[in-house]
Amino acid sequence: MEGMIITMALFIGIPVLVAGAFILKTLARKVGKIENANFKNSLLVEIAAGVLVAIIISPIGFEELMELGIIGSILAYILVLTIAYTLMGKLIWKTTFIQSFKANIVWILILSIIISIVVSKFY
């Protein structure tokens, strides 16, 4: 069972992470006007923001978030994603909070839609 989970993570998680880094790099360059955004540091933003989201959500717990209802849990995830991606983008791209927010807002909305679909499966 553990081997299957690791295999699925490798074959699904890594391609999704790489695709997300390409999308984030494009958004950072076009929308956020961040000149030093490239694939490597966009991938690092993805990974660091994901770790930060896990750190923030872990003490709260998935079940407690579900008790907020579908709208409440989606809004909570949007808030956490916004904090994590904006902060990590600012630190890694060495830019302002506003530029980081502009670069990440479209990606945050895309992730929010995906999370909405996943969360709705639990209701």
Protein backbone atom coordinates (compact mmCIF):
# COMPACT_ATOMS: atom_id res chain seq x y z
CA MET A 1 0.00 0.00 0.00
CA GLU A 2 2.78 2.45 0.88
CA GLY A 3 4.59 1.67 -2.35
CA MET A 4 1.46 2.49 -4.31
CA ILE A 5 1.10 5.83 -2.54
CA ILE A 6 4.73 6.73 -3.22
CA THR A 7 4.40 5.68 -6.86
CA MET A 8 1.24 7.74 -7.31
CA ALA A 9 2.92 10.73 -5.68
CA LEU A 10 5.84 10.43 -8.09
CA PHE A 11 3.75 9.97 -11.23
CA ILE A 12 1.05 12.52 -10.35
CA GLY A 13 2.61 14.92 -7.85
CA ILE A 14 5.84 15.70 -9.65
CA PRO A 15 4.27 16.46 -13.07
CA VAL A 16 1.66 18.66 -11.38
CA LEU A 17 4.40 20.47 -9.45
CA VAL A 18 6.44 21.02 -12.62
CA ALA A 19 3.39 22.27 -14.54
CA GLY A 20 2.55 24.59 -11.64
CA ALA A 21 6.09 26.00 -11.68
CA PHE A 22 5.85 26.74 -15.42
CA ILE A 23 2.48 28.45 -14.92
CA LEU A 24 3.76 30.40 -11.92
CA LYS A 25 6.88 31.51 -13.81
CA THR A 26 4.75 32.81 -16.67
CA LEU A 27 2.39 34.62 -14.30
CA ALA A 28 5.30 36.12 -12.36
CA ARG A 29 6.88 37.48 -15.53
CA LYS A 30 3.71 38.68 -17.28
CA VAL A 31 1.36 39.69 -14.45
CA GLY A 32 3.73 40.42 -11.57
CA LYS A 33 6.45 41.99 -13.75
CA ILE A 34 9.09 40.08 -11.80
CA GLU A 35 12.20 40.04 -13.97
CA ASN A 36 14.21 37.45 -12.03
CA ALA A 37 11.42 34.82 -12.06
CA ASN A 38 12.60 31.61 -13.68
CA PHE A 39 11.61 27.96 -13.56
CA LYS A 40 13.94 27.03 -10.69
CA ASN A 41 12.88 29.74 -8.28
CA SER A 42 9.21 29.35 -9.28
CA LEU A 43 9.50 25.66 -8.46
CA LEU A 44 11.06 26.64 -5.15
CA VAL A 45 8.13 29.00 -4.49
CA GLU A 46 5.75 26.10 -5.20
CA ILE A 47 7.55 23.72 -2.84
CA ALA A 48 8.11 26.26 -0.05
CA ALA A 49 4.51 27.51 -0.20
CA GLY A 50 3.25 23.91 -0.14
CA VAL A 51 5.33 23.16 2.96
CA LEU A 52 4.10 26.38 4.61
CA VAL A 53 0.47 25.50 3.82
CA ALA A 54 1.00 22.05 5.36
CA ILE A 55 2.57 23.61 8.46
CA ILE A 56 -0.34 26.04 8.85
CA ILE A 57 -3.12 23.50 8.14
CA SER A 58 -1.67 20.56 10.13
CA PRO A 59 -2.43 21.87 13.64
CA ILE A 60 -5.95 22.82 12.57
CA GLY A 61 -6.73 19.51 10.89
CA PHE A 62 -8.74 18.64 7.81
CA GLU A 63 -11.81 17.54 9.80
CA GLU A 64 -12.01 20.86 11.65
CA LEU A 65 -11.82 22.74 8.36
CA MET A 66 -14.67 20.61 7.02
CA GLU A 67 -16.78 21.67 10.00
CA LEU A 68 -16.68 25.22 8.59
CA GLY A 69 -18.81 24.03 5.69
CA ILE A 70 -17.81 24.05 2.06
CA ILE A 71 -17.70 27.85 1.71
CA GLY A 72 -15.87 28.30 5.01
CA SER A 73 -13.26 25.68 4.23
CA ILE A 74 -12.66 27.08 0.75
CA LEU A 75 -12.26 30.60 2.17
CA ALA A 76 -9.87 29.28 4.81
CA TYR A 77 -7.76 27.58 2.12
CA ILE A 78 -7.77 30.75 -0.02
CA LEU A 79 -6.52 32.75 2.98
CA VAL A 80 -3.78 30.23 3.77
CA LEU A 81 -2.75 29.93 0.10
CA THR A 82 -2.61 33.71 -0.25
CA ILE A 83 -0.40 34.08 2.81
CA ALA A 84 1.91 31.22 1.84
CA TYR A 85 2.36 32.03 -1.86
CA THR A 86 2.70 35.79 -1.34
CA LEU A 87 5.24 35.38 1.45
CA MET A 88 7.31 32.73 -0.32
CA GLY A 89 7.17 34.66 -3.61
CA LYS A 90 8.40 37.80 -1.87
CA LEU A 91 11.26 35.98 -0.15
CA ILE A 92 12.40 33.82 -3.07
CA TRP A 93 11.90 36.28 -5.94
CA LYS A 94 13.25 39.15 -3.78
CA THR A 95 10.40 41.45 -4.72
CA THR A 96 7.65 43.45 -3.01
CA PHE A 97 4.55 41.97 -1.41
CA ILE A 98 2.37 43.68 -4.04
CA GLN A 99 4.33 42.22 -6.97
CA SER A 100 4.32 38.80 -5.34
CA PHE A 101 0.58 39.03 -4.70
CA LYS A 102 -0.12 40.07 -8.31
CA ALA A 103 2.01 37.21 -9.63
CA ASN A 104 0.35 34.63 -7.39
CA ILE A 105 -3.31 35.70 -7.34
CA VAL A 106 -4.25 33.92 -10.58
CA TRP A 107 -2.48 30.75 -9.42
CA ILE A 108 -4.20 31.01 -6.03
CA LEU A 109 -7.59 31.25 -7.77
CA ILE A 110 -6.77 28.19 -9.92
CA LEU A 111 -5.73 26.23 -6.82
CA SER A 112 -8.89 27.40 -5.04
CA ILE A 113 -11.08 26.02 -7.82
CA ILE A 114 -9.23 22.69 -7.64
CA ILE A 115 -9.57 22.64 -3.86
CA SER A 116 -13.28 23.48 -4.19
CA ILE A 117 -13.79 20.46 -6.42
CA VAL A 118 -11.86 18.18 -4.07
CA VAL A 119 -13.57 19.50 -0.93
CA SER A 120 -17.01 19.16 -2.51
CA LYS A 121 -16.33 15.41 -2.92
CA PHE A 122 -16.25 15.09 0.89
CA TYR A 123 -19.72 16.62 1.34
